[in-house]
Amino acid sequence: MEQTIRVPDLKCDHCAATVCNALAKVDGVQEVSVDVGAKLVRVLGQAEPAALARAIREAGFSALA
């Protein structure tokens, strides 16, 4: 399953790495890719959307469906 999450406060590659690292720790995540310019995160796997949003928020960013 692929999920796309808008993260409006992504500003740089460091932000992208922080979000990727946070999401990689969520159960069910197989792959994460970030498009900083579009402010989008694409997650492949069977992770719960609420768990993904929580991981992004705990990393210091906002997550929008």
Foldseek 3Di string as FASTA:
>chain_A
DKDKKAWPPQDDVVLVVLLQVLQVPFPFWDDWDADSVRRMIMTDTDGDPVSSQVSNVVSPTHIDD
